[in-house]
Amino acid sequence: MKILTTLGLVCCLTLAAPAPTMAQQKTLTLEDLNFGGNNYHNMRPESRYTTWWGNQLVRTETDYCALVDPKTGKEKRLFSLSDINSWAGLSADDEKVRHLYSAEFPYGGKPVVLVVNGRENMLVNFKSRKLEKRWARVQNTQARQWNKKSGATAYVLGDQLYVADASGKETKLTTDGSGDIVYGQAVHRDEFGIDGGLFFSPSGNQLAFYRMDQSMVAAYPMADFPEIDWTPKEGESRAAKASPIRYPMAGETSHKVTVGVYDLLTGKTVYLKAGDPTDRYFTNIAWSTDSKTIYMFELNRDQNDCRLVAYDAATGDRLTELYRETDAKYVEPLHPYSSCRGTAASSSSRASATDTTTFIYIIRRGRKSAS
């Protein structure tokens, strides 16, 4: 998981002398404070990109990656951008990795980093200093997810959902995708912690995915303005173009979401038997560690009744409801169910009249408690 950590830049405007001595006080100008000002970059908070290598925090920068000591904050360089390009044999200008912001460490116990250039993915071993794997990345996708276990990739291209196995063999899963029927992408307006629509099982042999039917939702008018540096081709115009979106206004008809599960070994697809999706939100999809069960939060549109439900991944059958949470104000599930050594934990936030509290649910052997 990629983490963007923002470190606050504290500007101390301290008067060393009594108030009348104003000469020592810095006067901020619009060039200091406004985005685009010639001194703004020196005044803004510093952004740091980080990711995890197992349980170790790694800082990813333009030209290097470094381990971060959690106690002292001190850094230990792992490798540089020039190292990666050299070890991977990337000499041509159009094949070099340009930055390491998006570097990932998919295997906690293995010194391997996943890096990308404009059209390929690469796994580089930074201990042996060798390229382990290099494969082409499908271009112009609307969504994409790679699984480290099976090496399979799921992606949405031209509104249709595809899965390619580790060898690159491609399977087209859908034919009815469109602007109204959306596959494999974030749903419910990206609320409730939703940031994607493709979910590989831990084994990498199954893929859960969202299907959203928004054909019944009224179109909301939007305009698409060309970028300032956009150069029109012959016959094209710089004028803004209509680009309406399907937006469920409060109190009006909302979209309907279902969850499919594709088995890469059998080639079969089933849908979770969650019942009528009308005015319901299906959120925070998660897998059991044995890849047999899918967990999903189910929330009503009033957002005051939330249930965590388990489903059989092979049949789509509803297995059990793990717990139910209600509140007079609202319930907002934000994080997927996770399990470890027979203990499961999940969290959500709910409102009271005076504050917002995070509740951690611990479920053991069918019993549940809240703290």
Protein backbone atom coordinates (compact mmCIF):
# COMPACT_ATOMS: atom_id res chain seq x y z
CA MET A 1 0.00 0.00 0.00
CA LYS A 2 1.31 3.42 -0.94
CA ILE A 3 1.30 6.04 1.79
CA LEU A 4 1.68 9.78 1.30
CA THR A 5 3.07 11.28 4.48
CA THR A 6 2.91 15.04 4.85
CA LEU A 7 5.37 16.60 7.22
CA GLY A 8 4.25 19.95 8.49
CA LEU A 9 6.62 22.80 7.82
CA VAL A 10 6.44 25.09 10.81
CA CYS A 11 7.18 28.71 10.16
CA CYS A 12 8.20 30.38 13.40
CA LEU A 13 7.83 34.12 13.30
CA THR A 14 9.43 34.96 16.61
CA LEU A 15 10.02 38.45 17.92
CA ALA A 16 13.40 38.62 19.61
CA ALA A 17 12.65 42.08 20.94
CA PRO A 18 9.55 43.86 22.29
CA ALA A 19 6.66 44.43 19.93
CA PRO A 20 7.80 47.82 18.65
CA THR A 21 10.88 46.23 17.05
CA MET A 22 9.06 45.10 13.91
CA ALA A 23 12.13 44.94 11.65
CA GLN A 24 12.90 41.39 12.83
CA GLN A 25 9.45 40.07 11.94
CA LYS A 26 9.17 38.44 8.50
CA THR A 27 6.40 39.77 6.31
CA LEU A 28 4.86 37.06 4.13
CA THR A 29 4.03 38.02 0.58
CA LEU A 30 1.71 36.50 -2.03
CA GLU A 31 4.79 34.97 -3.65
CA ASP A 32 5.33 33.04 -0.39
CA LEU A 33 1.75 31.95 0.17
CA ASN A 34 0.09 31.53 -3.22
CA PHE A 35 0.34 28.33 -5.24
CA GLY A 36 2.65 29.18 -8.12
CA GLY A 37 4.46 31.94 -6.26
CA ASN A 38 8.20 32.10 -6.84
CA ASN A 39 8.91 31.21 -3.18
CA TYR A 40 5.90 28.98 -2.55
CA HIS A 41 7.93 25.77 -2.90
CA ASN A 42 10.06 26.84 0.06
CA MET A 43 7.04 27.57 2.27
CA ARG A 44 4.75 24.61 1.62
CA PRO A 45 4.71 21.40 3.71
CA GLU A 46 7.09 18.74 2.47
CA SER A 47 5.47 15.66 0.95
CA ARG A 48 7.06 12.27 1.42
CA TYR A 49 6.08 9.09 -0.35
CA THR A 50 6.43 5.87 1.57
CA THR A 51 5.52 2.23 1.18
CA TRP A 52 6.06 -1.03 3.08
CA TRP A 53 8.57 -3.79 2.59
CA GLY A 54 7.04 -6.41 4.85
CA ASN A 55 6.94 -4.58 8.18
CA GLN A 56 9.68 -2.13 7.27
CA LEU A 57 8.91 1.42 6.18
CA VAL A 58 10.56 2.56 2.96
CA ARG A 59 10.82 6.11 1.68
CA THR A 60 10.41 6.31 -2.10
CA GLU A 61 11.86 9.38 -3.74
CA THR A 62 12.57 10.52 -7.28
CA ASP A 63 16.07 9.05 -7.34
CA TYR A 64 16.34 6.64 -4.41
CA CYS A 65 14.62 4.31 -1.95
CA ALA A 66 15.64 4.10 1.71
CA LEU A 67 14.66 2.20 4.83
CA VAL A 68 13.33 4.47 7.58
CA ASP A 69 14.12 3.73 11.23
CA PRO A 70 10.75 4.01 13.05
CA LYS A 71 12.39 5.28 16.24
CA THR A 72 14.93 7.77 14.98
CA GLY A 73 13.65 8.58 11.52
CA LYS A 74 17.11 7.98 10.12
CA GLU A 75 17.35 6.56 6.63
CA LYS A 76 19.45 3.78 5.11
CA ARG A 77 19.73 3.81 1.34
CA LEU A 78 18.67 0.65 -0.45
CA PHE A 79 19.42 1.70 -4.02
CA SER A 80 19.31 4.65 -6.39
CA LEU A 81 17.45 5.26 -9.64
CA SER A 82 20.68 4.87 -11.61
CA ASP A 83 21.27 1.53 -9.84
CA ILE A 84 17.89 0.21 -10.97
CA ASN A 85 18.39 1.28 -14.58
CA SER A 86 21.88 -0.22 -14.59
CA TRP A 87 20.91 -3.54 -12.98
CA ALA A 88 17.88 -3.91 -15.26
CA GLY A 89 19.95 -3.11 -18.35
CA LEU A 90 17.83 -0.12 -19.28
CA SER A 91 20.02 2.00 -21.54
CA ALA A 92 17.64 3.33 -24.17
CA ASP A 93 16.08 6.65 -23.24
CA ASP A 94 12.53 5.42 -23.84
CA GLU A 95 12.89 2.36 -21.59
CA LYS A 96 14.48 3.88 -18.49
CA VAL A 97 12.64 4.14 -15.18
CA ARG A 98 12.12 7.87 -14.58
CA HIS A 99 11.42 7.95 -10.84
CA LEU A 100 10.93 5.68 -7.83
CA TYR A 101 7.82 7.28 -6.31
CA SER A 102 5.72 4.31 -7.39
CA ALA A 103 8.23 1.62 -6.36
CA GLU A 104 6.66 -1.32 -4.52
CA PHE A 105 8.11 -4.19 -2.50
CA PRO A 106 5.66 -7.06 -3.12
CA TYR A 107 7.54 -9.76 -1.19
CA GLY A 108 8.20 -9.04 2.47
CA GLY A 109 11.03 -11.54 2.87
CA LYS A 110 12.68 -11.02 -0.49
CA PRO A 111 14.89 -8.10 -1.68
CA VAL A 112 12.85 -7.44 -4.80
CA VAL A 113 11.38 -4.13 -5.96
CA LEU A 114 8.65 -3.63 -8.55
CA VAL A 115 9.34 -0.65 -10.80
CA VAL A 116 7.73 0.62 -13.99
CA ASN A 117 8.63 2.59 -17.06
CA GLY A 118 6.19 3.95 -19.62
CA ARG A 119 5.07 0.58 -20.92
CA GLU A 120 6.55 -2.23 -18.78
CA ASN A 121 6.70 -3.66 -15.26
CA MET A 122 9.98 -4.98 -13.87
CA LEU A 123 11.03 -6.96 -10.81
CA VAL A 124 14.60 -6.14 -9.80
CA ASN A 125 16.54 -7.98 -7.08
CA PHE A 126 18.54 -5.29 -5.30
CA LYS A 127 20.68 -7.81 -3.42
CA SER A 128 21.85 -9.83 -6.41
CA ARG A 129 21.56 -6.68 -8.55
CA LYS A 130 19.77 -8.51 -11.32
CA LEU A 131 16.56 -8.19 -13.29
CA GLU A 132 14.24 -11.06 -12.34
CA LYS A 133 11.27 -10.39 -14.60
CA ARG A 134 10.14 -7.91 -17.20
CA TRP A 135 6.76 -7.85 -18.88
CA ALA A 136 4.65 -5.50 -20.99
CA ARG A 137 1.86 -3.52 -19.40
CA VAL A 138 -1.43 -3.09 -21.25
CA GLN A 139 -1.84 0.56 -22.15
CA ASN A 140 -4.83 2.91 -21.77
CA THR A 141 -6.54 0.79 -19.13
CA GLN A 142 -9.32 2.20 -16.95
CA ALA A 143 -8.29 0.01 -14.01
CA ARG A 144 -5.55 -2.54 -13.43
CA GLN A 145 -4.42 -4.91 -10.65
CA TRP A 146 -1.45 -7.31 -10.61
CA ASN A 147 -1.22 -10.25 -8.22
CA LYS A 148 2.19 -11.12 -6.80
CA LYS A 149 1.27 -14.74 -6.03
CA SER A 150 -0.03 -15.98 -9.38
CA GLY A 151 1.46 -13.25 -11.54
CA ALA A 152 -1.96 -12.65 -13.09
CA THR A 153 -3.19 -9.19 -14.06
CA ALA A 154 -6.79 -8.00 -14.15
CA TYR A 155 -7.62 -4.87 -16.09
CA VAL A 156 -10.45 -2.90 -17.66
CA LEU A 157 -9.93 -1.82 -21.26
CA GLY A 158 -12.60 -0.23 -23.41
CA ASP A 159 -15.11 -0.76 -20.57
CA GLN A 160 -14.59 -4.56 -20.67
CA LEU A 161 -12.96 -6.67 -17.96
CA TYR A 162 -9.98 -8.90 -18.82
CA VAL A 163 -7.65 -11.23 -16.93
CA ALA A 164 -4.21 -12.22 -18.19
CA ASP A 165 -2.30 -15.05 -16.51
CA ALA A 166 1.43 -14.99 -15.75
CA SER A 167 2.25 -16.17 -19.28
CA GLY A 168 0.23 -13.33 -20.79
CA LYS A 169 -2.71 -15.44 -21.95
CA GLU A 170 -5.71 -13.11 -22.00
CA THR A 171 -9.32 -13.91 -21.12
CA LYS A 172 -12.15 -11.47 -21.78
CA LEU A 173 -14.70 -11.74 -18.99
CA THR A 174 -17.38 -9.28 -20.14
CA THR A 175 -18.99 -7.99 -23.31
CA ASP A 176 -21.66 -5.60 -22.00
CA GLY A 177 -19.40 -3.03 -20.36
CA SER A 178 -20.16 0.59 -21.24
CA GLY A 179 -20.51 4.02 -19.71
CA ASP A 180 -23.66 2.69 -18.03
CA ILE A 181 -22.41 -0.79 -17.07
CA VAL A 182 -19.10 -0.32 -15.24
CA TYR A 183 -16.81 -3.23 -14.38
CA GLY A 184 -13.79 -3.44 -12.09
CA GLN A 185 -13.75 0.18 -10.96
CA ALA A 186 -14.56 2.07 -7.78
CA VAL A 187 -18.29 2.36 -7.09
CA HIS A 188 -20.60 4.32 -4.77
CA ARG A 189 -18.82 7.58 -5.63
CA ASP A 190 -15.60 6.32 -3.96
CA GLU A 191 -17.16 6.54 -0.50
CA PHE A 192 -16.83 4.14 2.46
CA GLY A 193 -13.13 3.50 1.86
CA ILE A 194 -13.64 2.32 -1.71
CA ASP A 195 -10.71 3.12 -3.99
CA GLY A 196 -10.87 0.35 -6.59
CA GLY A 197 -12.96 -2.47 -8.01
CA LEU A 198 -10.57 -5.40 -8.55
CA PHE A 199 -9.74 -7.79 -5.68
CA PHE A 200 -7.50 -10.82 -6.15
CA SER A 201 -7.64 -13.62 -3.61
CA PRO A 202 -4.48 -14.35 -1.59
CA SER A 203 -3.78 -17.35 -3.85
CA GLY A 204 -4.12 -15.17 -6.92
CA ASN A 205 -6.38 -17.73 -8.59
CA GLN A 206 -9.67 -15.88 -8.05
CA LEU A 207 -10.74 -12.34 -8.77
CA ALA A 208 -13.62 -10.50 -7.13
CA PHE A 209 -14.83 -7.47 -9.02
CA TYR A 210 -17.50 -4.79 -8.95
CA ARG A 211 -20.24 -4.49 -11.56
CA MET A 212 -22.19 -1.22 -11.41
CA ASP A 213 -25.33 -0.62 -13.40
CA GLN A 214 -25.93 3.12 -13.49
CA SER A 215 -28.19 3.22 -16.52
CA MET A 216 -31.13 4.27 -14.33
CA VAL A 217 -29.27 7.26 -12.87
CA ALA A 218 -29.94 10.71 -14.30
CA ALA A 219 -27.07 12.30 -16.23
CA TYR A 220 -25.47 15.30 -14.57
CA PRO A 221 -24.13 17.96 -16.99
CA MET A 222 -20.37 18.45 -16.97
CA ALA A 223 -18.01 20.16 -19.40
CA ASP A 224 -14.65 18.85 -20.58
CA PHE A 225 -12.18 21.71 -21.13
CA PRO A 226 -8.97 21.02 -23.12
CA GLU A 227 -5.64 21.46 -21.35
CA ILE A 228 -3.86 24.76 -21.96
CA ASP A 229 -1.05 23.08 -23.90
CA TRP A 230 -3.36 20.81 -25.90
CA THR A 231 -2.85 21.08 -29.65
CA PRO A 232 -5.96 20.29 -31.68
CA LYS A 233 -5.69 18.04 -34.69
CA GLU A 234 -7.23 18.99 -38.00
CA GLY A 235 -10.97 19.38 -37.56
CA GLU A 236 -10.82 19.51 -33.76
CA SER A 237 -11.89 22.49 -31.69
CA ARG A 238 -10.64 24.02 -28.45
CA ALA A 239 -14.23 24.55 -27.35
CA ALA A 240 -15.40 22.70 -24.25
CA LYS A 241 -17.33 19.52 -24.91
CA ALA A 242 -20.27 18.11 -23.02
CA SER A 243 -19.15 15.24 -20.77
CA PRO A 244 -22.10 14.28 -18.56
CA ILE A 245 -21.70 11.80 -15.70
CA ARG A 246 -24.18 9.56 -13.94
CA TYR A 247 -24.64 11.14 -10.53
CA PRO A 248 -27.29 9.91 -8.04
CA MET A 249 -28.68 13.08 -6.51
CA ALA A 250 -29.96 12.89 -2.93
CA GLY A 251 -33.42 11.36 -2.86
CA GLU A 252 -33.27 10.25 -6.49
CA THR A 253 -32.60 6.87 -8.09
CA SER A 254 -29.16 5.43 -7.35
CA HIS A 255 -27.04 2.88 -9.18
CA LYS A 256 -27.14 -0.86 -8.51
CA VAL A 257 -23.94 -2.73 -7.64
CA THR A 258 -23.22 -6.45 -7.66
CA VAL A 259 -20.01 -8.38 -6.97
CA GLY A 260 -18.69 -11.07 -9.30
CA VAL A 261 -16.04 -13.71 -8.64
CA TYR A 262 -13.99 -15.18 -11.48
CA ASP A 263 -12.01 -18.41 -11.00
CA LEU A 264 -8.87 -18.42 -13.14
CA LEU A 265 -8.51 -22.20 -12.84
CA THR A 266 -12.04 -23.17 -13.90
CA GLY A 267 -12.89 -20.15 -16.03
CA LYS A 268 -16.23 -19.75 -14.26
CA THR A 269 -17.82 -16.58 -12.87
CA VAL A 270 -20.38 -16.44 -10.06
CA TYR A 271 -22.02 -13.46 -8.36
CA LEU A 272 -22.44 -13.05 -4.63
CA LYS A 273 -26.04 -13.77 -3.64
CA ALA A 274 -26.50 -10.58 -1.67
CA GLY A 275 -30.09 -9.97 -2.72
CA ASP A 276 -31.64 -6.89 -4.30
CA PRO A 277 -28.94 -4.19 -4.58
CA THR A 278 -31.44 -1.33 -4.74
CA ASP A 279 -30.47 1.47 -2.34
CA ARG A 280 -27.66 -0.58 -0.82
CA TYR A 281 -23.92 -0.03 -0.65
CA PHE A 282 -21.50 -2.98 -0.91
CA THR A 283 -18.14 -1.93 0.46
CA ASN A 284 -14.70 -3.00 1.69
CA ILE A 285 -14.42 -6.34 -0.05
CA ALA A 286 -11.88 -8.70 1.55
CA TRP A 287 -10.75 -12.33 1.27
CA SER A 288 -10.09 -14.98 3.89
CA THR A 289 -6.50 -16.19 4.05
CA ASP A 290 -7.46 -19.55 2.49
CA SER A 291 -9.18 -17.82 -0.49
CA LYS A 292 -12.46 -19.61 0.21
CA THR A 293 -14.52 -16.81 1.73
CA ILE A 294 -15.31 -13.23 0.78
CA TYR A 295 -16.27 -10.66 3.39
CA MET A 296 -18.28 -7.56 2.55
CA PHE A 297 -19.88 -4.68 4.40
CA GLU A 298 -23.48 -4.07 3.41
CA LEU A 299 -24.91 -0.66 4.19
CA ASN A 300 -28.37 0.73 3.59
CA ARG A 301 -28.76 4.04 1.75
CA ASP A 302 -29.81 5.81 4.95
CA GLN A 303 -26.34 4.80 6.18
CA ASN A 304 -27.53 3.85 9.66
CA ASP A 305 -27.54 0.04 9.37
CA CYS A 306 -24.33 -1.83 8.49
CA ARG A 307 -23.71 -5.58 8.35
CA LEU A 308 -20.52 -7.57 7.82
CA VAL A 309 -21.44 -10.64 5.78
CA ALA A 310 -19.42 -13.69 4.68
CA TYR A 311 -19.92 -15.41 1.29
CA ASP A 312 -18.72 -18.64 -0.26
CA ALA A 313 -16.31 -17.57 -3.02
CA ALA A 314 -16.94 -20.71 -5.10
CA THR A 315 -20.75 -20.58 -5.15
CA GLY A 316 -21.62 -17.01 -4.16
CA ASP A 317 -23.83 -18.36 -1.36
CA ARG A 318 -24.36 -16.22 1.73
CA LEU A 319 -22.72 -17.97 4.68
CA THR A 320 -23.29 -15.84 7.77
CA GLU A 321 -23.61 -12.36 9.16
CA LEU A 322 -20.64 -11.69 11.42
CA TYR A 323 -22.05 -8.59 13.06
CA ARG A 324 -24.46 -5.73 12.61
CA GLU A 325 -24.00 -2.12 13.63
CA THR A 326 -26.72 0.53 13.75
CA ASP A 327 -26.70 4.13 14.87
CA ALA A 328 -29.21 6.96 14.97
CA LYS A 329 -26.79 9.28 13.14
CA TYR A 330 -24.79 7.21 10.67
CA VAL A 331 -22.45 4.26 10.30
CA GLU A 332 -19.46 4.53 7.96
CA PRO A 333 -17.37 1.40 7.26
CA LEU A 334 -13.95 2.50 6.05
CA HIS A 335 -11.62 -0.50 6.32
CA PRO A 336 -11.94 -4.10 5.09
CA TYR A 337 -12.24 -7.05 7.42
CA SER A 338 -8.85 -8.66 8.10
CA SER A 339 -7.99 -11.92 9.79
CA CYS A 340 -4.91 -13.32 11.50
CA ARG A 341 -4.52 -16.63 13.37
CA GLY A 342 -8.22 -17.15 13.82
CA THR A 343 -8.92 -13.64 15.05
CA ALA A 344 -10.67 -11.15 12.84
CA ALA A 345 -10.68 -7.40 13.18
CA SER A 346 -12.52 -4.63 11.44
CA SER A 347 -13.18 -1.00 12.13
CA SER A 348 -15.76 1.60 11.28
CA SER A 349 -16.66 5.06 12.39
CA ARG A 350 -20.04 6.13 13.62
CA ALA A 351 -21.37 9.45 14.79
CA SER A 352 -22.83 10.47 18.09
CA ALA A 353 -24.24 13.82 19.07
CA THR A 354 -20.87 15.07 20.26
CA ASP A 355 -18.06 13.09 18.66
CA THR A 356 -16.90 10.48 16.17
CA THR A 357 -15.46 7.29 17.64
CA THR A 358 -13.65 4.43 15.98
CA PHE A 359 -14.88 1.00 17.03
CA ILE A 360 -12.67 -2.06 16.72
CA TYR A 361 -14.57 -5.33 16.56
CA ILE A 362 -12.80 -8.50 17.68
CA ILE A 363 -14.50 -11.73 16.62
CA ARG A 364 -13.37 -15.06 18.08
CA ARG A 365 -15.09 -18.38 17.56
CA GLY A 366 -18.41 -16.82 16.71
CA ARG A 367 -18.44 -14.35 19.59
CA LYS A 368 -18.11 -10.62 19.08
CA SER A 369 -17.23 -7.67 21.22
CA ALA A 370 -16.78 -3.96 20.66
CA SER A 371 -14.24 -1.69 22.22
